[in-house]
């Protein structure tokens, strides 16, 4: 039996995050910006088939809220698994204090 595929939805703030990543990297290296955007997109597509692929955060509060995250290059993709979809909450650089951001 094939696993059920979930839809991926980026919250508006996650869309803003992705735009900022692409814009920031693209200012110096458009090819690198295109590459990271493609890598993030591939990761999100992979999540549709394997939603529990992401790691569980160490922070108890984030665990209680159902957060998981993927690491893609220097970026963390935070998401939750809902009934029929994966909600991407934030896409942030790994050096940032994500506990304060989420």
Protein backbone atom coordinates (compact mmCIF):
# COMPACT_ATOMS: atom_id res chain seq x y z
CA UNK A 1 0.00 0.00 0.00
CA UNK A 2 1.31 3.44 -0.95
CA UNK A 3 1.76 5.96 1.86
CA UNK A 4 -0.75 8.80 1.86
CA UNK A 5 0.74 12.03 0.53
CA UNK A 6 0.06 15.18 2.48
CA UNK A 7 -0.13 18.70 1.08
CA UNK A 8 2.52 21.20 2.14
CA UNK A 9 1.39 24.71 3.02
CA UNK A 10 3.71 27.55 3.92
CA UNK A 11 2.31 30.03 6.39
CA UNK A 12 2.69 33.60 5.17
CA UNK A 13 5.59 34.21 7.56
CA UNK A 14 7.38 31.13 6.16
CA UNK A 15 6.82 32.49 2.65
CA UNK A 16 8.38 35.76 3.82
CA UNK A 17 11.30 33.82 5.33
CA UNK A 18 11.91 32.00 2.06
CA UNK A 19 11.76 35.25 0.10
CA UNK A 20 14.28 36.84 2.48
CA UNK A 21 16.65 33.87 2.17
CA UNK A 22 16.53 33.98 -1.62
CA UNK A 23 16.87 37.78 -1.73
CA UNK A 24 19.77 37.85 0.74
CA UNK A 25 21.76 35.10 -0.99
CA UNK A 26 20.78 36.33 -4.44
CA UNK A 27 22.25 39.77 -3.81
CA UNK A 28 25.74 38.23 -3.94
CA UNK A 29 25.16 34.97 -5.79
CA UNK A 30 21.98 34.46 -7.82
CA UNK A 31 22.94 30.89 -8.75
CA UNK A 32 23.36 29.96 -5.08
CA UNK A 33 19.98 31.52 -4.27
CA UNK A 34 18.35 29.47 -7.00
CA UNK A 35 20.10 26.35 -5.72
CA UNK A 36 18.99 26.78 -2.09
CA UNK A 37 15.43 27.53 -3.21
CA UNK A 38 15.43 24.30 -5.25
CA UNK A 39 16.88 22.31 -2.33
CA UNK A 40 14.24 23.64 0.07
CA UNK A 41 11.52 22.83 -2.46
CA UNK A 42 12.85 19.26 -2.85
CA UNK A 43 12.84 18.83 0.92
CA UNK A 44 9.24 20.00 1.14
CA UNK A 45 8.19 17.64 -1.64
CA UNK A 46 9.95 14.79 0.16
CA UNK A 47 7.98 15.66 3.31
CA UNK A 48 4.71 15.00 1.48
CA UNK A 49 5.57 11.29 1.45
CA UNK A 50 7.55 11.15 4.69
CA UNK A 51 6.12 13.75 7.09
CA UNK A 52 7.92 12.37 10.16
CA UNK A 53 11.30 12.69 8.47
CA UNK A 54 12.12 15.85 10.41
CA UNK A 55 13.83 15.90 13.77
CA UNK A 56 12.02 16.59 17.01
CA UNK A 57 13.33 19.75 18.72
CA UNK A 58 15.03 19.52 22.12
CA UNK A 59 12.93 22.33 23.56
CA UNK A 60 10.00 20.86 25.47
CA UNK A 61 7.68 23.74 24.57
CA UNK A 62 8.24 23.15 20.85
CA UNK A 63 7.69 19.42 21.31
CA UNK A 64 4.35 20.13 23.04
CA UNK A 65 3.32 22.30 20.08
CA UNK A 66 4.10 19.43 17.69
CA UNK A 67 7.02 21.05 15.89
CA UNK A 68 9.48 19.08 13.80
CA UNK A 69 12.28 20.47 11.67
CA UNK A 70 14.43 19.66 8.68
CA UNK A 71 17.95 20.90 8.16
CA UNK A 72 18.66 22.05 4.63
CA UNK A 73 22.15 23.47 4.24
CA UNK A 74 22.35 26.31 6.81
CA UNK A 75 18.58 26.60 7.22
CA UNK A 76 16.02 25.03 9.53
CA UNK A 77 12.55 24.35 8.20
CA UNK A 78 10.07 24.20 11.09
CA UNK A 79 6.75 22.50 10.48
CA UNK A 80 3.84 20.72 12.11
CA UNK A 81 1.87 17.78 10.82
CA UNK A 82 -1.83 18.53 10.67
CA UNK A 83 -4.68 16.21 9.66
CA UNK A 84 -4.19 16.35 5.87
CA UNK A 85 -1.29 18.72 5.49
CA UNK A 86 2.11 19.82 6.61
CA UNK A 87 2.23 23.42 7.80
CA UNK A 88 5.59 25.12 7.40
CA UNK A 89 5.83 27.73 10.13
CA UNK A 90 9.31 29.19 9.62
CA UNK A 91 12.44 28.83 7.48
CA UNK A 92 15.31 30.36 9.42
CA UNK A 93 19.09 30.36 9.46
CA UNK A 94 20.51 27.80 11.87
CA UNK A 95 22.56 30.43 13.71
CA UNK A 96 19.44 32.26 14.88
CA UNK A 97 17.74 31.68 18.24
CA UNK A 98 14.79 29.75 16.86
CA UNK A 99 13.26 29.23 20.30
CA UNK A 100 12.72 32.98 20.59
CA UNK A 101 11.48 33.25 16.99
CA UNK A 102 8.91 30.47 17.13
